[in-house]
Amino acid sequence: MTATRAASIGRSIGAAALYAVAAFWVLCSFVATVEADNPEAFPGILDKDEAFGAFFSVSLAVLFAAAAVALCRRPLVSKAACTLIVLVCVYRAISVYGQFYGT
């Protein structure tokens, strides 16, 4: 195996790991809003904490997805995965936006 091939495999594995971390943060954005359904179960949580947590999580997910695109050499597959993650993050941001203002 040549050094170029080994580097390509390493970048692909690194990009896959970054996409896994981005998917984890998308999942965390859903978990951050669970306490909004039952606020009595979480007495220390403020009203706007879950929306902030969701925005923070989707921001990190987009950051990791962008890093994976920069790392990977397969542009079509990488850009498709990044687009999917960004679309889910935009959906989450829109769905929790009203919680900041009480609407």
PDB file of N, CA and C in Angstrom:
ATOM      1  N   MET A   1       0.856  -1.172   0.000  1.00  0.00           N
ATOM      2  CA  MET A   1       0.000   0.000   0.000  1.00  0.00           C
ATOM      3  C   MET A   1       0.903   1.236   0.000  1.00  0.00           C
ATOM      4  N   THR A   2       0.594   2.150  -0.868  1.00  0.00           N
ATOM      5  CA  THR A   2       1.406   3.354  -0.960  1.00  0.00           C
ATOM      6  C   THR A   2       0.998   4.352   0.119  1.00  0.00           C
ATOM      7  N   ALA A   3       1.840   5.329   0.315  1.00  0.00           N
ATOM      8  CA  ALA A   3       1.562   6.344   1.335  1.00  0.00           C
ATOM      9  C   ALA A   3       0.346   7.176   0.950  1.00  0.00           C
ATOM     10  N   THR A   4       0.168   7.413  -0.346  1.00  0.00           N
ATOM     11  CA  THR A   4      -0.992   8.190  -0.798  1.00  0.00           C
ATOM     12  C   THR A   4      -2.288   7.441  -0.524  1.00  0.00           C
ATOM     13  N   ARG A   5      -2.273   6.147  -0.774  1.00  0.00           N
ATOM     14  CA  ARG A   5      -3.463   5.326  -0.524  1.00  0.00           C
ATOM     15  C   ARG A   5      -3.755   5.261   0.969  1.00  0.00           C
ATOM     16  N   ALA A   6      -2.738   5.117   1.782  1.00  0.00           N
ATOM     17  CA  ALA A   6      -2.932   5.077   3.235  1.00  0.00           C
ATOM     18  C   ALA A   6      -3.479   6.408   3.738  1.00  0.00           C
ATOM     19  N   ALA A   7      -2.984   7.508   3.198  1.00  0.00           N
ATOM     20  CA  ALA A   7      -3.495   8.817   3.605  1.00  0.00           C
ATOM     21  C   ALA A   7      -4.953   8.999   3.192  1.00  0.00           C
ATOM     22  N   SER A   8      -5.304   8.499   2.012  1.00  0.00           N
ATOM     23  CA  SER A   8      -6.684   8.584   1.541  1.00  0.00           C
ATOM     24  C   SER A   8      -7.625   7.773   2.435  1.00  0.00           C
ATOM     25  N   ILE A   9      -7.202   6.590   2.815  1.00  0.00           N
ATOM     26  CA  ILE A   9      -8.004   5.757   3.718  1.00  0.00           C
ATOM     27  C   ILE A   9      -8.127   6.429   5.074  1.00  0.00           C
ATOM     28  N   GLY A  10      -7.055   7.020   5.558  1.00  0.00           N
ATOM     29  CA  GLY A  10      -7.105   7.735   6.842  1.00  0.00           C
ATOM     30  C   GLY A  10      -8.048   8.921   6.801  1.00  0.00           C
ATOM     31  N   ARG A  11      -8.037   9.676   5.700  1.00  0.00           N
ATOM     32  CA  ARG A  11      -8.963  10.806   5.573  1.00  0.00           C
ATOM     33  C   ARG A  11     -10.405  10.338   5.510  1.00  0.00           C
ATOM     34  N   SER A  12     -10.648   9.231   4.806  1.00  0.00           N
ATOM     35  CA  SER A  12     -12.007   8.692   4.715  1.00  0.00           C
ATOM     36  C   SER A  12     -12.515   8.229   6.078  1.00  0.00           C
ATOM     37  N   ILE A  13     -11.665   7.573   6.833  1.00  0.00           N
ATOM     38  CA  ILE A  13     -12.057   7.127   8.178  1.00  0.00           C
ATOM     39  C   ILE A  13     -12.279   8.332   9.085  1.00  0.00           C
ATOM     40  N   GLY A  14     -11.417   9.336   8.972  1.00  0.00           N
ATOM     41  CA  GLY A  14     -11.599  10.553   9.760  1.00  0.00           C
ATOM     42  C   GLY A  14     -12.884  11.276   9.412  1.00  0.00           C
ATOM     43  N   ALA A  15     -13.220  11.347   8.121  1.00  0.00           N
ATOM     44  CA  ALA A  15     -14.472  11.990   7.710  1.00  0.00           C
ATOM     45  C   ALA A  15     -15.679  11.215   8.225  1.00  0.00           C
ATOM     46  N   ALA A  16     -15.615   9.887   8.166  1.00  0.00           N
ATOM     47  CA  ALA A  16     -16.715   9.076   8.694  1.00  0.00           C
ATOM     48  C   ALA A  16     -16.885   9.297  10.195  1.00  0.00           C
ATOM     49  N   ALA A  17     -15.783   9.408  10.905  1.00  0.00           N
ATOM     50  CA  ALA A  17     -15.864   9.674  12.348  1.00  0.00           C
ATOM     51  C   ALA A  17     -16.461  11.052  12.617  1.00  0.00           C
ATOM     52  N   LEU A  18     -16.078  12.044  11.819  1.00  0.00           N
ATOM     53  CA  LEU A  18     -16.645  13.390  12.001  1.00  0.00           C
ATOM     54  C   LEU A  18     -18.132  13.404  11.691  1.00  0.00           C
ATOM     55  N   TYR A  19     -18.557  12.655  10.672  1.00  0.00           N
ATOM     56  CA  TYR A  19     -19.994  12.566  10.393  1.00  0.00           C
ATOM     57  C   TYR A  19     -20.737  11.872  11.530  1.00  0.00           C
ATOM     58  N   ALA A  20     -20.113  10.879  12.145  1.00  0.00           N
ATOM     59  CA  ALA A  20     -20.738  10.214  13.290  1.00  0.00           C
ATOM     60  C   ALA A  20     -20.893  11.184  14.461  1.00  0.00           C
ATOM     61  N   VAL A  21     -19.891  12.016  14.685  1.00  0.00           N
ATOM     62  CA  VAL A  21     -19.981  13.016  15.755  1.00  0.00           C
ATOM     63  C   VAL A  21     -21.062  14.045  15.424  1.00  0.00           C
ATOM     64  N   ALA A  22     -21.156  14.449  14.160  1.00  0.00           N
ATOM     65  CA  ALA A  22     -22.196  15.399  13.749  1.00  0.00           C
ATOM     66  C   ALA A  22     -23.580  14.798  13.953  1.00  0.00           C
ATOM     67  N   ALA A  23     -23.752  13.528  13.609  1.00  0.00           N
ATOM     68  CA  ALA A  23     -25.037  12.859  13.830  1.00  0.00           C
ATOM     69  C   ALA A  23     -25.350  12.764  15.322  1.00  0.00           C
ATOM     70  N   PHE A  24     -24.342  12.538  16.136  1.00  0.00           N
ATOM     71  CA  PHE A  24     -24.534  12.518  17.591  1.00  0.00           C
ATOM     72  C   PHE A  24     -25.055  13.868  18.086  1.00  0.00           C
ATOM     73  N   TRP A  25     -24.494  14.973  17.582  1.00  0.00           N
ATOM     74  CA  TRP A  25     -24.945  16.294  18.018  1.00  0.00           C
ATOM     75  C   TRP A  25     -26.351  16.602  17.536  1.00  0.00           C
ATOM     76  N   VAL A  26     -26.725  16.081  16.364  1.00  0.00           N
ATOM     77  CA  VAL A  26     -28.109  16.244  15.911  1.00  0.00           C
ATOM     78  C   VAL A  26     -29.038  15.511  16.868  1.00  0.00           C
ATOM     79  N   LEU A  27     -28.656  14.311  17.272  1.00  0.00           N
ATOM     80  CA  LEU A  27     -29.448  13.557  18.243  1.00  0.00           C
ATOM     81  C   LEU A  27     -29.536  14.313  19.567  1.00  0.00           C
ATOM     82  N   CYS A  28     -28.445  14.926  19.978  1.00  0.00           N
ATOM     83  CA  CYS A  28     -28.446  15.703  21.218  1.00  0.00           C
ATOM     84  C   CYS A  28     -29.385  16.900  21.132  1.00  0.00           C
ATOM     85  N   SER A  29     -29.572  17.447  19.934  1.00  0.00           N
ATOM     86  CA  SER A  29     -30.501  18.571  19.804  1.00  0.00           C
ATOM     87  C   SER A  29     -31.931  18.127  20.077  1.00  0.00           C
ATOM     88  N   PHE A  30     -32.261  16.885  19.741  1.00  0.00           N
ATOM     89  CA  PHE A  30     -33.584  16.360  20.074  1.00  0.00           C
ATOM     90  C   PHE A  30     -33.696  16.084  21.569  1.00  0.00           C
ATOM     91  N   VAL A  31     -32.632  15.566  22.155  1.00  0.00           N
ATOM     92  CA  VAL A  31     -32.631  15.264  23.586  1.00  0.00           C
ATOM     93  C   VAL A  31     -32.732  16.544  24.410  1.00  0.00           C
ATOM     94  N   ALA A  32     -32.153  17.631  23.923  1.00  0.00           N
ATOM     95  CA  ALA A  32     -32.159  18.889  24.676  1.00  0.00           C
ATOM     96  C   ALA A  32     -33.553  19.458  24.842  1.00  0.00           C
ATOM     97  N   THR A  33     -34.479  19.075  23.979  1.00  0.00           N
ATOM     98  CA  THR A  33     -35.834  19.627  24.073  1.00  0.00           C
ATOM     99  C   THR A  33     -36.823  18.675  24.742  1.00  0.00           C
ATOM    100  N   VAL A  34     -36.360  17.545  25.248  1.00  0.00           N
ATOM    101  CA  VAL A  34     -37.258  16.591  25.899  1.00  0.00           C
ATOM    102  C   VAL A  34     -37.875  17.192  27.155  1.00  0.00           C
ATOM    103  N   GLU A  35     -37.092  17.944  27.917  1.00  0.00           N
ATOM    104  CA  GLU A  35     -37.621  18.499  29.162  1.00  0.00           C
ATOM    105  C   GLU A  35     -38.686  19.557  28.924  1.00  0.00           C
ATOM    106  N   ALA A  36     -38.836  20.050  27.721  1.00  0.00           N
ATOM    107  CA  ALA A  36     -39.898  21.004  27.419  1.00  0.00           C
ATOM    108  C   ALA A  36     -41.268  20.336  27.526  1.00  0.00           C
ATOM    109  N   ASP A  37     -41.336  19.026  27.303  1.00  0.00           N
ATOM    110  CA  ASP A  37     -42.595  18.302  27.395  1.00  0.00           C
ATOM    111  C   ASP A  37     -43.032  18.090  28.841  1.00  0.00           C
ATOM    112  N   ASN A  38     -42.079  17.995  29.771  1.00  0.00           N
ATOM    113  CA  ASN A  38     -42.403  17.730  31.159  1.00  0.00           C
ATOM    114  C   ASN A  38     -41.504  18.574  32.063  1.00  0.00           C
ATOM    115  N   PRO A  39     -41.781  19.878  32.200  1.00  0.00           N
ATOM    116  CA  PRO A  39     -40.880  20.737  32.966  1.00  0.00           C
ATOM    117  C   PRO A  39     -40.852  20.429  34.466  1.00  0.00           C
ATOM    118  N   GLU A  40     -41.890  19.787  35.008  1.00  0.00           N
ATOM    119  CA  GLU A  40     -41.900  19.466  36.436  1.00  0.00           C
ATOM    120  C   GLU A  40     -40.845  18.408  36.772  1.00  0.00           C
ATOM    121  N   ALA A  41     -40.472  17.600  35.799  1.00  0.00           N
ATOM    122  CA  ALA A  41     -39.479  16.556  36.045  1.00  0.00           C
ATOM    123  C   ALA A  41     -38.059  17.122  36.106  1.00  0.00           C
ATOM    124  N   PHE A  42     -37.876  18.351  35.628  1.00  0.00           N
ATOM    125  CA  PHE A  42     -36.559  18.988  35.604  1.00  0.00           C
ATOM    126  C   PHE A  42     -36.662  20.353  36.283  1.00  0.00           C
ATOM    127  N   PRO A  43     -36.697  20.397  37.621  1.00  0.00           N
ATOM    128  CA  PRO A  43     -36.950  21.669  38.304  1.00  0.00           C
ATOM    129  C   PRO A  43     -35.843  22.708  38.153  1.00  0.00           C
ATOM    130  N   GLY A  44     -34.622  22.327  37.848  1.00  0.00           N
ATOM    131  CA  GLY A  44     -33.530  23.290  37.741  1.00  0.00           C
ATOM    132  C   GLY A  44     -33.376  23.906  36.359  1.00  0.00           C
ATOM    133  N   ILE A  45     -34.136  23.416  35.391  1.00  0.00           N
ATOM    134  CA  ILE A  45     -34.018  23.885  34.017  1.00  0.00           C
ATOM    135  C   ILE A  45     -34.827  25.163  33.835  1.00  0.00           C
ATOM    136  N   LEU A  46     -34.206  26.168  33.261  1.00  0.00           N
ATOM    137  CA  LEU A  46     -34.920  27.400  32.942  1.00  0.00           C
ATOM    138  C   LEU A  46     -35.732  27.221  31.668  1.00  0.00           C
ATOM    139  N   ASP A  47     -36.666  28.128  31.418  1.00  0.00           N
ATOM    140  CA  ASP A  47     -37.567  27.980  30.284  1.00  0.00           C
ATOM    141  C   ASP A  47     -36.847  27.960  28.938  1.00  0.00           C
ATOM    142  N   LYS A  48     -35.824  28.759  28.784  1.00  0.00           N
ATOM    143  CA  LYS A  48     -35.179  28.881  27.484  1.00  0.00           C
ATOM    144  C   LYS A  48     -33.913  28.025  27.350  1.00  0.00           C
ATOM    145  N   ASP A  49     -33.591  27.230  28.351  1.00  0.00           N
ATOM    146  CA  ASP A  49     -32.383  26.405  28.294  1.00  0.00           C
ATOM    147  C   ASP A  49     -32.464  25.326  27.219  1.00  0.00           C
ATOM    148  N   GLU A  50     -33.634  24.726  27.046  1.00  0.00           N
ATOM    149  CA  GLU A  50     -33.725  23.656  26.058  1.00  0.00           C
ATOM    150  C   GLU A  50     -33.569  24.185  24.635  1.00  0.00           C
ATOM    151  N   ALA A  51     -34.075  25.374  24.354  1.00  0.00           N
ATOM    152  CA  ALA A  51     -33.902  25.950  23.016  1.00  0.00           C
ATOM    153  C   ALA A  51     -32.438  26.314  22.776  1.00  0.00           C
ATOM    154  N   PHE A  52     -31.795  26.860  23.785  1.00  0.00           N
ATOM    155  CA  PHE A  52     -30.377  27.176  23.639  1.00  0.00           C
ATOM    156  C   PHE A  52     -29.561  25.907  23.426  1.00  0.00           C
ATOM    157  N   GLY A  53     -29.883  24.866  24.163  1.00  0.00           N
ATOM    158  CA  GLY A  53     -29.180  23.589  24.001  1.00  0.00           C
ATOM    159  C   GLY A  53     -29.360  23.011  22.607  1.00  0.00           C
ATOM    160  N   ALA A  54     -30.559  23.128  22.060  1.00  0.00           N
ATOM    161  CA  ALA A  54     -30.804  22.626  20.712  1.00  0.00           C
ATOM    162  C   ALA A  54     -30.016  23.439  19.683  1.00  0.00           C
ATOM    163  N   PHE A  55     -30.012  24.775  19.827  1.00  0.00           N
ATOM    164  CA  PHE A  55     -29.237  25.603  18.905  1.00  0.00           C
ATOM    165  C   PHE A  55     -27.740  25.316  19.019  1.00  0.00           C
ATOM    166  N   PHE A  56     -27.260  25.135  20.216  1.00  0.00           N
ATOM    167  CA  PHE A  56     -25.855  24.810  20.425  1.00  0.00           C
ATOM    168  C   PHE A  56     -25.504  23.474  19.774  1.00  0.00           C
ATOM    169  N   SER A  57     -26.374  22.489  19.943  1.00  0.00           N
ATOM    170  CA  SER A  57     -26.124  21.163  19.377  1.00  0.00           C
ATOM    171  C   SER A  57     -26.101  21.179  17.854  1.00  0.00           C
ATOM    172  N   VAL A  58     -27.059  21.887  17.248  1.00  0.00           N
ATOM    173  CA  VAL A  58     -27.070  21.908  15.783  1.00  0.00           C
ATOM    174  C   VAL A  58     -25.896  22.724  15.243  1.00  0.00           C
ATOM    175  N   SER A  59     -25.452  23.725  15.978  1.00  0.00           N
ATOM    176  CA  SER A  59     -24.274  24.477  15.543  1.00  0.00           C
ATOM    177  C   SER A  59     -23.039  23.587  15.522  1.00  0.00           C
ATOM    178  N   LEU A  60     -22.874  22.790  16.554  1.00  0.00           N
ATOM    179  CA  LEU A  60     -21.743  21.853  16.584  1.00  0.00           C
ATOM    180  C   LEU A  60     -21.859  20.795  15.488  1.00  0.00           C
ATOM    181  N   ALA A  61     -23.077  20.340  15.218  1.00  0.00           N
ATOM    182  CA  ALA A  61     -23.269  19.347  14.163  1.00  0.00           C
ATOM    183  C   ALA A  61     -22.861  19.905  12.805  1.00  0.00           C
ATOM    184  N   VAL A  62     -23.250  21.142  12.518  1.00  0.00           N
ATOM    185  CA  VAL A  62     -22.869  21.763  11.244  1.00  0.00           C
ATOM    186  C   VAL A  62     -21.355  21.948  11.184  1.00  0.00           C
ATOM    187  N   LEU A  63     -20.749  22.324  12.286  1.00  0.00           N
ATOM    188  CA  LEU A  63     -19.295  22.495  12.324  1.00  0.00           C
ATOM    189  C   LEU A  63     -18.564  21.186  12.018  1.00  0.00           C
ATOM    190  N   PHE A  64     -18.989  20.100  12.633  1.00  0.00           N
ATOM    191  CA  PHE A  64     -18.348  18.809  12.389  1.00  0.00           C
ATOM    192  C   PHE A  64     -18.611  18.308  10.970  1.00  0.00           C
ATOM    193  N   ALA A  65     -19.808  18.553  10.443  1.00  0.00           N
ATOM    194  CA  ALA A  65     -20.104  18.139   9.068  1.00  0.00           C
ATOM    195  C   ALA A  65     -19.245  18.919   8.077  1.00  0.00           C
ATOM    196  N   ALA A  66     -19.052  20.212   8.316  1.00  0.00           N
ATOM    197  CA  ALA A  66     -18.200  21.011   7.443  1.00  0.00           C
ATOM    198  C   ALA A  66     -16.747  20.539   7.511  1.00  0.00           C
ATOM    199  N   ALA A  67     -16.297  20.164   8.688  1.00  0.00           N
ATOM    200  CA  ALA A  67     -14.942  19.635   8.828  1.00  0.00           C
ATOM    201  C   ALA A  67     -14.790  18.316   8.072  1.00  0.00           C
ATOM    202  N   ALA A  68     -15.828  17.497   8.082  1.00  0.00           N
ATOM    203  CA  ALA A  68     -15.768  16.229   7.359  1.00  0.00           C
ATOM    204  C   ALA A  68     -15.715  16.455   5.854  1.00  0.00           C
ATOM    205  N   VAL A  69     -16.443  17.443   5.356  1.00  0.00           N
ATOM    206  CA  VAL A  69     -16.390  17.761   3.926  1.00  0.00           C
ATOM    207  C   VAL A  69     -14.990  18.210   3.545  1.00  0.00           C
ATOM    208  N   ALA A  70     -14.380  19.022   4.390  1.00  0.00           N
ATOM    209  CA  ALA A  70     -13.032  19.497   4.102  1.00  0.00           C
ATOM    210  C   ALA A  70     -12.010  18.365   4.146  1.00  0.00           C
ATOM    211  N   LEU A  71     -12.271  17.346   4.922  1.00  0.00           N
ATOM    212  CA  LEU A  71     -11.319  16.257   5.090  1.00  0.00           C
ATOM    213  C   LEU A  71     -11.443  15.185   4.013  1.00  0.00           C
ATOM    214  N   CYS A  72     -12.645  14.937   3.550  1.00  0.00           N
ATOM    215  CA  CYS A  72     -12.891  13.813   2.643  1.00  0.00           C
ATOM    216  C   CYS A  72     -12.573  14.183   1.194  1.00  0.00           C
ATOM    217  N   ARG A  73     -12.108  13.206   0.435  1.00  0.00           N
ATOM    218  CA  ARG A  73     -11.753  13.416  -0.971  1.00  0.00           C
ATOM    219  C   ARG A  73     -12.841  12.930  -1.928  1.00  0.00           C
ATOM    220  N   ARG A  74     -13.907  12.380  -1.410  1.00  0.00           N
ATOM    221  CA  ARG A  74     -15.012  11.939  -2.262  1.00  0.00           C
ATOM    222  C   ARG A  74     -16.100  13.013  -2.198  1.00  0.00           C
ATOM    223  N   PRO A  75     -16.078  13.949  -3.122  1.00  0.00           N
ATOM    224  CA  PRO A  75     -16.923  15.125  -2.975  1.00  0.00           C
ATOM    225  C   PRO A  75     -18.422  14.843  -3.049  1.00  0.00           C
ATOM    226  N   LEU A  76     -18.863  13.935  -3.899  1.00  0.00           N
ATOM    227  CA  LEU A  76     -20.293  13.722  -4.047  1.00  0.00           C
ATOM    228  C   LEU A  76     -20.899  13.091  -2.793  1.00  0.00           C
ATOM    229  N   VAL A  77     -20.302  12.029  -2.303  1.00  0.00           N
ATOM    230  CA  VAL A  77     -20.817  11.348  -1.113  1.00  0.00           C
ATOM    231  C   VAL A  77     -20.719  12.269   0.103  1.00  0.00           C
ATOM    232  N   SER A  78     -19.606  12.939   0.246  1.00  0.00           N
ATOM    233  CA  SER A  78     -19.387  13.804   1.400  1.00  0.00           C
ATOM    234  C   SER A  78     -20.339  14.994   1.394  1.00  0.00           C
ATOM    235  N   LYS A  79     -20.522  15.605   0.237  1.00  0.00           N
ATOM    236  CA  LYS A  79     -21.428  16.750   0.163  1.00  0.00           C
ATOM    237  C   LYS A  79     -22.874  16.337   0.379  1.00  0.00           C
ATOM    238  N   ALA A  80     -23.246  15.151  -0.072  1.00  0.00           N
ATOM    239  CA  ALA A  80     -24.607  14.664   0.153  1.00  0.00           C
ATOM    240  C   ALA A  80     -24.864  14.433   1.645  1.00  0.00           C
ATOM    241  N   ALA A  81     -23.905  13.822   2.329  1.00  0.00           N
ATOM    242  CA  ALA A  81     -24.058  13.591   3.767  1.00  0.00           C
ATOM    243  C   ALA A  81     -24.090  14.912   4.529  1.00  0.00           C
ATOM    244  N   CYS A  82     -23.240  15.851   4.141  1.00  0.00           N
ATOM    245  CA  CYS A  82     -23.218  17.158   4.795  1.00  0.00           C
ATOM    246  C   CYS A  82     -24.530  17.898   4.568  1.00  0.00           C
ATOM    247  N   THR A  83     -25.057  17.831   3.353  1.00  0.00           N
ATOM    248  CA  THR A  83     -26.332  18.482   3.049  1.00  0.00           C
ATOM    249  C   THR A  83     -27.457  17.903   3.888  1.00  0.00           C
ATOM    250  N   LEU A  84     -27.478  16.590   4.042  1.00  0.00           N
ATOM    251  CA  LEU A  84     -28.509  15.956   4.867  1.00  0.00           C
ATOM    252  C   LEU A  84     -28.417  16.422   6.315  1.00  0.00           C
ATOM    253  N   ILE A  85     -27.231  16.466   6.858  1.00  0.00           N
ATOM    254  CA  ILE A  85     -27.059  16.909   8.243  1.00  0.00           C
ATOM    255  C   ILE A  85     -27.455  18.377   8.400  1.00  0.00           C
ATOM    256  N   VAL A  86     -27.065  19.216   7.447  1.00  0.00           N
ATOM    257  CA  VAL A  86     -27.404  20.633   7.531  1.00  0.00           C
ATOM    258  C   VAL A  86     -28.913  20.835   7.422  1.00  0.00           C
ATOM    259  N   LEU A  87     -29.589  20.078   6.555  1.00  0.00           N
ATOM    260  CA  LEU A  87     -31.042  20.208   6.435  1.00  0.00           C
ATOM    261  C   LEU A  87     -31.753  19.809   7.724  1.00  0.00           C
ATOM    262  N   VAL A  88     -31.294  18.736   8.357  1.00  0.00           N
ATOM    263  CA  VAL A  88     -31.883  18.339   9.644  1.00  0.00           C
ATOM    264  C   VAL A  88     -31.625  19.416  10.696  1.00  0.00           C
ATOM    265  N   CYS A  89     -30.439  20.016  10.673  1.00  0.00           N
ATOM    266  CA  CYS A  89     -30.115  21.072  11.630  1.00  0.00           C
ATOM    267  C   CYS A  89     -30.977  22.316  11.402  1.00  0.00           C
ATOM    268  N   VAL A  90     -31.217  22.656  10.152  1.00  0.00           N
ATOM    269  CA  VAL A  90     -32.092  23.799   9.855  1.00  0.00           C
ATOM    270  C   VAL A  90     -33.511  23.508  10.341  1.00  0.00           C
ATOM    271  N   TYR A  91     -33.979  22.287  10.122  1.00  0.00           N
ATOM    272  CA  TYR A  91     -35.301  21.906  10.625  1.00  0.00           C
ATOM    273  C   TYR A  91     -35.375  22.047  12.147  1.00  0.00           C
ATOM    274  N   ARG A  92     -34.344  21.580  12.833  1.00  0.00           N
ATOM    275  CA  ARG A  92     -34.340  21.676  14.303  1.00  0.00           C
ATOM    276  C   ARG A  92     -34.303  23.126  14.756  1.00  0.00           C
ATOM    277  N   ALA A  93     -33.518  23.952  14.086  1.00  0.00           N
ATOM    278  CA  ALA A  93     -33.425  25.360  14.472  1.00  0.00           C
ATOM    279  C   ALA A  93     -34.767  26.055  14.271  1.00  0.00           C
ATOM    280  N   ILE A  94     -35.450  25.757  13.188  1.00  0.00           N
ATOM    281  CA  ILE A  94     -36.754  26.361  12.941  1.00  0.00           C
ATOM    282  C   ILE A  94     -37.779  25.855  13.948  1.00  0.00           C
ATOM    283  N   SER A  95     -37.714  24.578  14.302  1.00  0.00           N
ATOM    284  CA  SER A  95     -38.708  24.014  15.208  1.00  0.00           C
ATOM    285  C   SER A  95     -38.568  24.508  16.648  1.00  0.00           C
ATOM    286  N   VAL A  96     -37.383  24.904  17.075  1.00  0.00           N
ATOM    287  CA  VAL A  96     -37.222  25.390  18.448  1.00  0.00           C
ATOM    288  C   VAL A  96     -37.102  26.909  18.530  1.00  0.00           C
ATOM    289  N   TYR A  97     -37.139  27.585  17.394  1.00  0.00           N
ATOM    290  CA  TYR A  97     -36.977  29.040  17.380  1.00  0.00           C
ATOM    291  C   TYR A  97     -38.053  29.740  18.218  1.00  0.00           C
ATOM    292  N   GLY A  98     -39.275  29.272  18.151  1.00  0.00           N
ATOM    293  CA  GLY A  98     -40.374  29.903  18.898  1.00  0.00           C
ATOM    294  C   GLY A  98     -40.230  29.815  20.403  1.00  0.00           C
ATOM    295  N   GLN A  99     -39.457  28.870  20.910  1.00  0.00           N
ATOM    296  CA  GLN A  99     -39.292  28.730  22.353  1.00  0.00           C
ATOM    297  C   GLN A  99     -38.485  29.873  22.956  1.00  0.00           C
ATOM    298  N   PHE A 100     -37.709  30.563  22.145  1.00  0.00           N
ATOM    299  CA  PHE A 100     -36.955  31.697  22.654  1.00  0.00           C
ATOM    300  C   PHE A 100     -37.870  32.863  23.032  1.00  0.00           C
ATOM    301  N   TYR A 101     -38.976  32.977  22.330  1.00  0.00           N
ATOM    302  CA  TYR A 101     -39.862  34.114  22.529  1.00  0.00           C
ATOM    303  C   TYR A 101     -41.202  33.729  23.123  1.00  0.00           C
ATOM    304  N   GLY A 102     -41.363  32.487  23.494  1.00  0.00           N
ATOM    305  CA  GLY A 102     -42.581  32.057  24.161  1.00  0.00           C
ATOM    306  C   GLY A 102     -43.768  31.911  23.247  1.00  0.00           C
ATOM    307  N   THR A 103     -43.532  31.721  21.939  1.00  0.00           N
ATOM    308  CA  THR A 103     -44.651  31.550  21.018  1.00  0.00           C
ATOM    309  C   THR A 103     -44.915  30.117  20.749  1.00  0.00           C
TER     310      THR A 103
END
